[in-house]
Amino acid sequence: MQADRIHLIGLNHKTAPVEIREKMALSGDQALPYRELKELGCEECCILSTCNRVEITFVARDADKTAPAVRKFLFGGSDLSQEEYEKYSYLHRGRDAVTHMFRVASSLDSMIVGEPQILGQLKQAFKTAVEHGATGPILNRFLHKAFSVAKRVRTETNIGGSAVSISYAAVELAKKIFGDLAGKRVMLLGAGEMAELAAEHLITQGIAEVVVVNRTVERAMNLARRFKGRAAGLDELTDRLAEADILISSTGAPGLVLEADQVRPIMRQRMNSPLFLIDIAVPRDLDPAINDIDNVYLYDIDDLQHVVDMNKSERDREAKRGEAIVREESLKFTSWLDAMEIGPTIAALRAKADEICRAELGRSLKKLSGLSDKERKSLEKMTSAIAAKMLHDPIMFLKNETDPGLRTEKLAVIRRVFAIDPPNEGGRCERNDQ
């Protein structure tokens, strides 16, 4: 079958520890691995390399020879044994490869189910493969379909809304403490990605103001501008904290940024109004002793696990709906792809038989001038029925073959026996008729 030419070899966070994944990450000259994979027998290929997975999707006719070579290529820069190759990696073929790729694109196979980054990473991987001439009609169609399946999963489920991230969990915890965040004043300590994600979640809750405090004021200003907030330098931290209700800290500092002795005078200035602090930095930004101060509530990254657990059941429900979509789309795609291989040949067979029937019937009817219209139609039906019965066995000869190599050989035999020109199957695969 045409679908059985699609293979996927890789490893991810489920099959290999981080120290193994680090060795597999592909970097440097991007053209080199594609050249090597083509030399190994990959007619088409695409490499996806992230911190949580490295996967090579490829199309090959001689899978028994190509797949082991690709697996060896994947682990080529390591000192692992053959036994370890097999322990840490996986090989998917045909519909299994299609289903796996659709799950990856839809973030159903991610460490955090529902995270949106993987789809962007996959699109970039595909773009790179195209730029190096590594893809063809099958992978082009396959990966574009993966993108549309991911879009459908995100549209028809709430998998994105229930995805769990550290920044999302931090905001959820703030809601547990305050109930309603509308009108609250928020300070972000640090202007990195974690702070940005937290701010995005907070804005949707109707907070009154965002103040971004950072060692580099310019970076603080850039982030604050996005959220129509204010920026301040680290030297203004305690002054600004006196005006805040919530502090989310996520700097990259090597040590504590805010200590208990700095918070005590702030609480007197605030007339002991409650202050909620979330420290999502590693190592921690905030002195654990702060939690001993009255009306100050400090939570660190470990405390967020409770929020993560509460969201897990909702995320799992939405993931099940996503899995059903993936199964449906995998079946449709593989069936369509397999039909594309034999479809042109079957259509050509029927067209040739129809042409012969019409030609022979036309010659016969000239000699049978006394026939009525009803008799003429009966002859037409009879010739069509004979042709259909004659073609039944050759067509089933093609359709019943499950081995992709034998399927290709049988197609060649049928085209030779019936003198049918080879169809432009590669071009037909580009049709967007699914």
Protein backbone atom coordinates (compact mmCIF):
# COMPACT_ATOMS: atom_id res chain seq x y z
CA MET A 1 0.00 0.00 0.00
CA GLN A 2 1.09 3.56 -0.68
CA ALA A 3 0.63 4.48 2.99
CA ASP A 4 3.07 1.74 4.01
CA ARG A 5 5.88 3.67 2.34
CA ILE A 6 5.61 6.29 5.12
CA HIS A 7 7.90 5.58 8.10
CA LEU A 8 8.75 7.50 11.25
CA ILE A 9 11.74 6.80 13.48
CA GLY A 10 12.43 8.80 16.62
CA LEU A 11 12.68 9.14 20.37
CA ASN A 12 10.94 11.45 22.80
CA HIS A 13 10.46 12.35 26.46
CA LYS A 14 8.49 9.13 26.99
CA THR A 15 11.12 6.76 25.63
CA ALA A 16 14.46 8.41 26.41
CA PRO A 17 15.84 10.46 29.35
CA VAL A 18 17.07 14.00 28.73
CA GLU A 19 20.75 12.98 28.70
CA ILE A 20 19.99 10.73 25.70
CA ARG A 21 17.79 13.29 23.92
CA GLU A 22 20.53 15.91 24.25
CA LYS A 23 22.91 13.71 22.26
CA MET A 24 20.36 13.27 19.48
CA ALA A 25 19.54 16.96 18.92
CA LEU A 26 20.49 17.86 15.35
CA SER A 27 22.20 21.21 14.80
CA GLY A 28 24.83 22.82 12.59
CA ASP A 29 24.68 22.39 8.81
CA GLN A 30 21.03 21.60 8.13
CA ALA A 31 21.66 20.43 4.58
CA LEU A 32 24.07 17.67 5.63
CA PRO A 33 21.59 15.32 7.36
CA TYR A 34 19.20 15.58 4.42
CA ARG A 35 21.94 14.61 1.98
CA GLU A 36 22.90 11.66 4.16
CA LEU A 37 19.32 10.46 4.52
CA LYS A 38 18.82 10.50 0.75
CA GLU A 39 21.96 8.40 0.38
CA LEU A 40 20.46 5.89 2.83
CA GLY A 41 17.41 5.36 0.60
CA CYS A 42 14.98 8.03 1.81
CA GLU A 43 13.07 9.26 -1.24
CA GLU A 44 11.47 11.97 0.90
CA CYS A 45 12.24 12.98 4.49
CA CYS A 46 11.61 15.58 7.19
CA ILE A 47 13.49 16.02 10.50
CA LEU A 48 11.78 17.35 13.63
CA SER A 49 14.20 18.18 16.45
CA THR A 50 13.04 19.77 19.73
CA CYS A 51 14.09 19.54 23.36
CA ASN A 52 11.56 16.75 23.92
CA ARG A 53 11.81 14.75 20.69
CA VAL A 54 13.86 13.99 17.60
CA GLU A 55 11.92 12.32 14.78
CA ILE A 56 12.70 11.51 11.16
CA THR A 57 9.70 10.98 8.89
CA PHE A 58 10.61 9.43 5.56
CA VAL A 59 9.27 7.68 2.48
CA ALA A 60 11.09 4.59 1.22
CA ARG A 61 10.33 1.63 -1.02
CA ASP A 62 12.85 -0.78 0.53
CA ALA A 63 11.89 -0.32 4.19
CA ASP A 64 13.74 -3.40 5.41
CA LYS A 65 17.00 -1.85 4.26
CA THR A 66 16.32 1.86 4.82
CA ALA A 67 14.71 1.84 8.29
CA PRO A 68 17.69 0.23 10.13
CA ALA A 69 20.04 2.63 8.34
CA VAL A 70 17.96 5.65 9.40
CA ARG A 71 17.86 4.45 13.01
CA LYS A 72 21.65 4.07 12.97
CA PHE A 73 21.93 7.57 11.46
CA LEU A 74 19.77 8.97 14.26
CA PHE A 75 22.10 7.55 16.92
CA GLY A 76 25.25 8.09 14.86
CA GLY A 77 26.75 10.70 17.18
CA SER A 78 26.36 8.60 20.32
CA ASP A 79 28.21 5.68 21.84
CA LEU A 80 25.04 3.66 22.43
CA SER A 81 24.75 -0.01 21.56
CA GLN A 82 22.28 -1.54 19.11
CA GLU A 83 20.25 -2.78 22.07
CA GLU A 84 20.07 0.78 23.46
CA TYR A 85 19.03 2.12 20.01
CA GLU A 86 15.99 -0.11 20.12
CA LYS A 87 15.28 0.59 23.80
CA TYR A 88 15.14 4.37 23.46
CA SER A 89 13.61 4.76 19.99
CA TYR A 90 10.47 3.76 18.11
CA LEU A 91 9.60 2.91 14.51
CA HIS A 92 6.14 3.53 13.08
CA ARG A 93 5.01 2.49 9.60
CA GLY A 94 1.96 3.19 7.47
CA ARG A 95 -1.15 4.06 9.42
CA ASP A 96 0.77 3.92 12.72
CA ALA A 97 3.18 6.57 11.40
CA VAL A 98 0.26 8.70 10.18
CA THR A 99 -1.53 8.45 13.53
CA HIS A 100 1.65 9.28 15.45
CA MET A 101 2.36 12.37 13.35
CA PHE A 102 -1.23 13.60 13.68
CA ARG A 103 -0.97 13.14 17.48
CA VAL A 104 2.33 15.04 17.58
CA ALA A 105 0.97 17.95 15.51
CA SER A 106 -2.16 18.10 17.69
CA SER A 107 -0.07 18.19 20.89
CA LEU A 108 -1.59 14.93 22.11
CA ASP A 109 1.89 13.41 22.42
CA SER A 110 3.47 16.44 24.14
CA MET A 111 4.83 16.51 27.67
CA ILE A 112 2.17 19.14 28.39
CA VAL A 113 -0.88 18.08 26.37
CA GLY A 114 -2.40 21.00 24.51
CA GLU A 115 0.70 23.22 24.33
CA PRO A 116 0.74 25.11 21.01
CA GLN A 117 4.51 25.30 20.40
CA ILE A 118 4.90 21.88 18.76
CA LEU A 119 2.76 22.78 15.75
CA GLY A 120 4.95 25.79 15.01
CA GLN A 121 8.06 23.65 15.41
CA LEU A 122 6.68 21.05 13.01
CA LYS A 123 5.80 23.70 10.43
CA GLN A 124 9.34 25.08 10.67
CA ALA A 125 10.78 21.56 10.26
CA PHE A 126 8.68 21.05 7.14
CA LYS A 127 9.77 24.43 5.74
CA THR A 128 13.42 23.49 6.26
CA ALA A 129 12.93 20.12 4.55
CA VAL A 130 11.28 21.81 1.57
CA GLU A 131 14.11 24.35 1.33
CA HIS A 132 16.59 21.47 1.06
CA GLY A 133 14.55 19.63 -1.56
CA ALA A 134 13.92 16.72 0.78
CA THR A 135 10.14 16.40 0.45
CA GLY A 136 7.94 15.18 -2.38
CA PRO A 137 4.29 14.53 -3.21
CA ILE A 138 3.66 12.11 -0.35
CA LEU A 139 5.23 14.05 2.54
CA ASN A 140 3.95 17.37 1.19
CA ARG A 141 0.41 16.07 1.32
CA PHE A 142 0.97 14.19 4.58
CA LEU A 143 2.39 17.09 6.57
CA HIS A 144 -0.13 19.61 5.26
CA LYS A 145 -2.82 17.18 6.39
CA ALA A 146 -1.15 16.97 9.83
CA PHE A 147 -1.42 20.76 10.12
CA SER A 148 -5.13 20.70 9.27
CA VAL A 149 -5.80 17.85 11.72
CA ALA A 150 -4.09 19.86 14.48
CA LYS A 151 -6.27 22.85 13.63
CA ARG A 152 -9.40 20.70 13.77
CA VAL A 153 -8.44 19.25 17.18
CA ARG A 154 -7.80 22.72 18.59
CA THR A 155 -11.05 24.07 17.10
CA GLU A 156 -13.36 21.22 18.08
CA THR A 157 -11.96 20.58 21.58
CA ASN A 158 -10.90 22.74 24.50
CA ILE A 159 -7.51 21.06 24.66
CA GLY A 160 -5.73 24.42 24.43
CA GLY A 161 -7.81 25.96 27.19
CA SER A 162 -7.11 23.15 29.62
CA ALA A 163 -3.40 22.86 28.84
CA VAL A 164 -1.21 23.14 31.91
CA SER A 165 1.85 25.35 32.03
CA ILE A 166 3.68 26.85 34.98
CA SER A 167 2.53 30.38 34.17
CA TYR A 168 -1.06 29.25 33.65
CA ALA A 169 -1.04 27.36 36.94
CA ALA A 170 0.33 30.45 38.71
CA VAL A 171 -2.62 32.52 37.55
CA GLU A 172 -5.06 29.76 38.49
CA LEU A 173 -3.59 29.72 41.99
CA ALA A 174 -4.04 33.50 42.26
CA LYS A 175 -7.71 33.03 41.38
CA LYS A 176 -8.04 30.44 44.14
CA ILE A 177 -6.70 32.97 46.66
CA PHE A 178 -8.55 36.10 45.55
CA GLY A 179 -11.58 34.61 43.85
CA ASP A 180 -11.92 37.38 41.28
CA LEU A 181 -8.81 39.03 39.86
CA ALA A 182 -10.72 41.94 38.30
CA GLY A 183 -9.27 45.23 39.54
CA LYS A 184 -6.18 43.66 41.10
CA ARG A 185 -2.74 45.20 40.55
CA VAL A 186 -0.07 42.80 39.36
CA MET A 187 3.69 43.05 39.39
CA LEU A 188 5.85 40.89 37.16
CA LEU A 189 9.38 40.51 38.47
CA GLY A 190 11.41 39.52 35.40
CA ALA A 191 10.68 40.16 31.73
CA GLY A 192 11.36 36.74 30.25
CA GLU A 193 9.06 34.26 28.55
CA MET A 194 7.53 32.99 31.80
CA ALA A 195 6.59 36.52 32.86
CA GLU A 196 5.13 37.21 29.41
CA LEU A 197 2.99 34.08 29.48
CA ALA A 198 1.74 34.92 32.96
CA ALA A 199 0.81 38.43 31.85
CA GLU A 200 -1.13 37.07 28.87
CA HIS A 201 -3.24 34.92 31.20
CA LEU A 202 -3.71 37.74 33.71
CA ILE A 203 -4.95 40.23 31.12
CA THR A 204 -7.89 37.95 30.32
CA GLN A 205 -8.92 38.10 34.00
CA GLY A 206 -9.59 41.84 33.95
CA ILE A 207 -6.74 43.01 36.18
CA ALA A 208 -6.39 46.75 36.70
CA GLU A 209 -2.69 47.19 35.96
CA VAL A 210 0.55 45.39 35.15
CA VAL A 211 3.88 46.70 36.39
CA VAL A 212 6.98 45.02 35.00
CA VAL A 213 10.13 45.22 37.11
CA ASN A 214 13.37 44.06 35.57
CA ARG A 215 17.10 44.56 35.96
CA THR A 216 17.17 45.83 32.37
CA VAL A 217 14.61 48.64 32.20
CA GLU A 218 14.45 48.55 28.41
CA ARG A 219 13.25 44.95 28.45
CA ALA A 220 10.72 45.83 31.13
CA MET A 221 9.42 48.67 28.98
CA ASN A 222 9.06 46.45 25.93
CA LEU A 223 6.98 43.91 27.83
CA ALA A 224 4.95 46.54 29.70
CA ARG A 225 4.11 48.25 26.40
CA ARG A 226 2.50 45.06 25.12
CA PHE A 227 0.08 45.05 28.04
CA LYS A 228 -0.36 48.83 28.37
CA GLY A 229 1.38 48.67 31.73
CA ARG A 230 4.26 50.42 33.48
CA ALA A 231 7.94 49.52 33.71
CA ALA A 232 10.46 49.97 36.51
CA GLY A 233 14.03 49.04 37.32
CA LEU A 234 15.06 46.58 40.00
CA ASP A 235 16.01 49.44 42.31
CA GLU A 236 12.30 50.39 42.47
CA LEU A 237 11.17 46.89 43.45
CA THR A 238 10.14 47.59 47.06
CA ASP A 239 8.41 50.89 46.21
CA ARG A 240 6.33 49.27 43.49
CA LEU A 241 5.59 46.19 45.58
CA ALA A 242 3.86 48.37 48.15
CA GLU A 243 1.22 49.16 45.51
CA ALA A 244 0.72 45.59 44.21
CA ASP A 245 -1.70 42.82 45.17
CA ILE A 246 0.03 40.01 43.29
CA LEU A 247 3.70 39.45 42.51
CA ILE A 248 4.78 36.78 40.01
CA SER A 249 8.53 36.37 40.00
CA SER A 250 10.44 34.60 37.22
CA THR A 251 13.91 36.09 36.88
CA GLY A 252 17.03 34.21 35.91
CA ALA A 253 18.96 35.51 38.93
CA PRO A 254 21.33 33.02 40.59
CA GLY A 255 20.22 33.97 44.11
CA LEU A 256 17.40 35.62 46.08
CA VAL A 257 16.02 38.86 44.66
CA LEU A 258 13.62 39.70 47.49
CA GLU A 259 14.26 38.86 51.17
CA ALA A 260 11.98 38.82 54.20
CA ASP A 261 13.61 41.89 55.78
CA GLN A 262 12.64 43.90 52.70
CA VAL A 263 9.00 42.82 52.85
CA ARG A 264 8.27 43.61 56.53
CA PRO A 265 8.41 47.42 56.16
CA ILE A 266 6.34 47.11 52.96
CA MET A 267 3.56 45.36 54.89
CA ARG A 268 3.50 48.18 57.49
CA GLN A 269 3.22 50.66 54.64
CA ARG A 270 0.37 48.61 53.14
CA MET A 271 -1.47 48.55 56.49
CA ASN A 272 -1.17 44.75 56.35
CA SER A 273 -3.30 44.49 53.22
CA PRO A 274 -2.89 40.90 51.89
CA LEU A 275 0.00 40.33 49.49
CA PHE A 276 0.13 37.25 47.28
CA LEU A 277 3.54 36.14 45.95
CA ILE A 278 4.21 33.38 43.41
CA ASP A 279 7.81 32.35 42.81
CA ILE A 280 8.09 30.34 39.58
CA ALA A 281 11.83 30.83 39.18
CA VAL A 282 14.42 28.08 39.50
CA PRO A 283 16.49 28.79 41.55
CA ARG A 284 14.00 30.67 43.71
CA ASP A 285 13.80 34.46 43.62
CA LEU A 286 11.91 34.97 46.86
CA ASP A 287 13.11 34.25 50.39
CA PRO A 288 11.05 31.33 51.84
CA ALA A 289 11.02 33.21 55.18
CA ILE A 290 8.65 35.73 53.60
CA ASN A 291 5.87 33.22 54.15
CA ASP A 292 6.22 33.72 57.93
CA ILE A 293 5.08 37.35 57.69
CA ASP A 294 1.42 38.01 58.57
CA ASN A 295 -0.94 38.45 55.59
CA VAL A 296 1.76 37.49 53.09
CA TYR A 297 1.10 34.33 51.09
CA LEU A 298 4.10 32.88 49.25
CA TYR A 299 3.89 29.93 46.89
CA ASP A 300 6.77 28.39 44.94
CA ILE A 301 6.87 26.18 41.85
CA ASP A 302 6.26 23.00 43.84
CA ASP A 303 3.01 24.40 45.21
CA LEU A 304 1.70 24.77 41.66
CA GLN A 305 1.53 21.00 41.28
CA HIS A 306 -1.82 21.01 43.07
CA VAL A 307 -3.30 23.29 40.42
CA VAL A 308 -1.81 21.11 37.70
CA ASP A 309 -3.49 18.04 39.18
CA MET A 310 -6.88 19.75 39.32
CA ASN A 311 -6.68 20.61 35.64
CA LYS A 312 -5.56 17.13 34.64
CA SER A 313 -9.02 15.52 34.52
CA GLU A 314 -10.40 18.26 32.24
CA ARG A 315 -7.36 18.07 30.01
CA ASP A 316 -7.70 14.29 29.76
CA ARG A 317 -11.37 14.55 28.73
CA GLU A 318 -10.53 16.96 25.93
CA ALA A 319 -7.55 14.82 24.89
CA LYS A 320 -9.87 11.81 24.42
CA ARG A 321 -11.99 13.87 22.02
CA GLY A 322 -8.81 14.85 20.19
CA GLU A 323 -7.72 11.21 19.94
CA ALA A 324 -11.04 10.30 18.30
CA ILE A 325 -10.50 13.02 15.68
CA VAL A 326 -6.97 11.75 15.01
CA ARG A 327 -8.19 8.15 14.53
CA GLU A 328 -10.86 9.30 12.09
CA GLU A 329 -8.48 11.49 10.09
CA SER A 330 -5.77 8.79 10.02
CA LEU A 331 -8.18 6.26 8.52
CA LYS A 332 -9.39 8.77 5.93
CA PHE A 333 -5.89 9.83 4.93
CA THR A 334 -4.38 6.35 4.59
CA SER A 335 -7.41 5.12 2.64
CA TRP A 336 -7.15 8.11 0.31
CA LEU A 337 -3.40 7.66 -0.12
CA ASP A 338 -3.69 3.96 -0.94
CA ALA A 339 -6.50 4.63 -3.41
CA MET A 340 -4.31 7.20 -5.16
CA GLU A 341 -1.78 4.48 -6.04
CA ILE A 342 -4.14 2.08 -7.79
CA GLY A 343 -6.89 4.55 -8.73
CA PRO A 344 -5.28 5.85 -11.95
CA THR A 345 -4.56 2.32 -13.19
CA ILE A 346 -8.09 1.09 -12.46
CA ALA A 347 -9.57 4.17 -14.14
CA ALA A 348 -7.35 3.60 -17.18
CA LEU A 349 -8.42 -0.08 -17.33
CA ARG A 350 -12.09 0.83 -17.32
CA ALA A 351 -11.60 3.61 -19.86
CA LYS A 352 -9.79 1.26 -22.25
CA ALA A 353 -12.46 -1.43 -21.86
CA ASP A 354 -15.18 1.14 -22.47
CA GLU A 355 -13.39 2.42 -25.56
CA ILE A 356 -13.08 -1.12 -26.99
CA CYS A 357 -16.73 -1.88 -26.24
CA ARG A 358 -17.95 1.26 -27.98
CA ALA A 359 -15.74 0.69 -31.00
CA GLU A 360 -16.76 -2.96 -31.45
CA LEU A 361 -20.41 -2.22 -30.75
CA GLY A 362 -20.38 0.54 -33.35
CA ARG A 363 -19.02 -1.78 -36.02
CA SER A 364 -21.55 -4.50 -35.15
CA LEU A 365 -24.52 -2.13 -35.16
CA LYS A 366 -23.72 -1.05 -38.71
CA LYS A 367 -24.31 -4.65 -39.78
CA LEU A 368 -27.49 -4.99 -37.69
CA SER A 369 -29.55 -2.15 -39.11
CA GLY A 370 -32.91 -3.72 -38.31
CA LEU A 371 -32.53 -3.53 -34.50
CA SER A 372 -35.00 -1.57 -32.41
CA ASP A 373 -33.88 1.02 -29.84
CA LYS A 374 -34.65 -1.45 -27.05
CA GLU A 375 -32.50 -4.12 -28.70
CA ARG A 376 -29.65 -1.66 -29.24
CA LYS A 377 -29.72 -0.68 -25.54
CA SER A 378 -29.72 -4.36 -24.55
CA LEU A 379 -26.58 -4.92 -26.63
CA GLU A 380 -24.90 -1.89 -25.01
CA LYS A 381 -25.72 -3.20 -21.52
CA MET A 382 -24.48 -6.66 -22.44
CA THR A 383 -21.10 -5.42 -23.71
CA SER A 384 -20.67 -3.23 -20.61
CA ALA A 385 -21.49 -6.18 -18.35
CA ILE A 386 -19.01 -8.42 -20.16
CA ALA A 387 -16.28 -5.79 -19.83
CA ALA A 388 -17.01 -5.31 -16.10
CA LYS A 389 -16.84 -9.04 -15.45
CA MET A 390 -13.61 -9.36 -17.42
CA LEU A 391 -12.02 -6.55 -15.39
CA HIS A 392 -13.24 -7.78 -12.02
CA ASP A 393 -10.40 -10.22 -11.44
CA PRO A 394 -7.56 -7.86 -12.53
CA ILE A 395 -8.98 -5.11 -10.30
CA MET A 396 -9.29 -7.42 -7.29
CA PHE A 397 -5.76 -8.65 -8.10
CA LEU A 398 -4.62 -5.09 -7.36
CA LYS A 399 -6.94 -4.19 -4.49
CA ASN A 400 -6.29 -7.33 -2.42
CA GLU A 401 -2.50 -6.94 -2.34
CA THR A 402 -1.30 -5.64 1.06
CA ASP A 403 2.44 -5.83 0.47
CA PRO A 404 3.59 -2.43 -0.89
CA GLY A 405 6.40 -3.93 -2.95
CA LEU A 406 4.18 -6.54 -4.56
CA ARG A 407 1.47 -3.91 -5.12
CA THR A 408 3.93 -1.85 -7.18
CA GLU A 409 5.00 -4.92 -9.16
CA LYS A 410 1.39 -5.90 -9.87
CA LEU A 411 0.57 -2.40 -11.08
CA ALA A 412 3.48 -2.61 -13.51
CA VAL A 413 2.29 -6.03 -14.74
CA ILE A 414 -1.28 -4.83 -15.31
CA ARG A 415 -0.10 -1.77 -17.22
CA ARG A 416 2.14 -3.91 -19.44
CA VAL A 417 -0.48 -6.61 -20.09
CA PHE A 418 -3.18 -4.06 -20.99
CA ALA A 419 -0.75 -1.62 -22.68
CA ILE A 420 -1.65 1.25 -20.34
CA ASP A 421 0.71 4.21 -20.10
CA PRO A 422 2.04 4.78 -16.52
CA PRO A 423 -0.07 7.48 -14.81
CA ASN A 424 1.44 10.61 -13.28
CA GLU A 425 0.66 9.40 -9.78
CA GLY A 426 3.07 11.79 -8.07
CA GLY A 427 1.27 14.78 -9.54
CA ARG A 428 -2.14 13.38 -8.64
CA CYS A 429 -1.10 13.08 -4.99
CA GLU A 430 -0.89 16.86 -4.85
CA ARG A 431 -4.63 17.19 -5.44
CA ASN A 432 -6.40 18.67 -2.45
CA ASP A 433 -9.54 16.56 -2.86
CA GLN A 434 -9.74 14.94 0.53
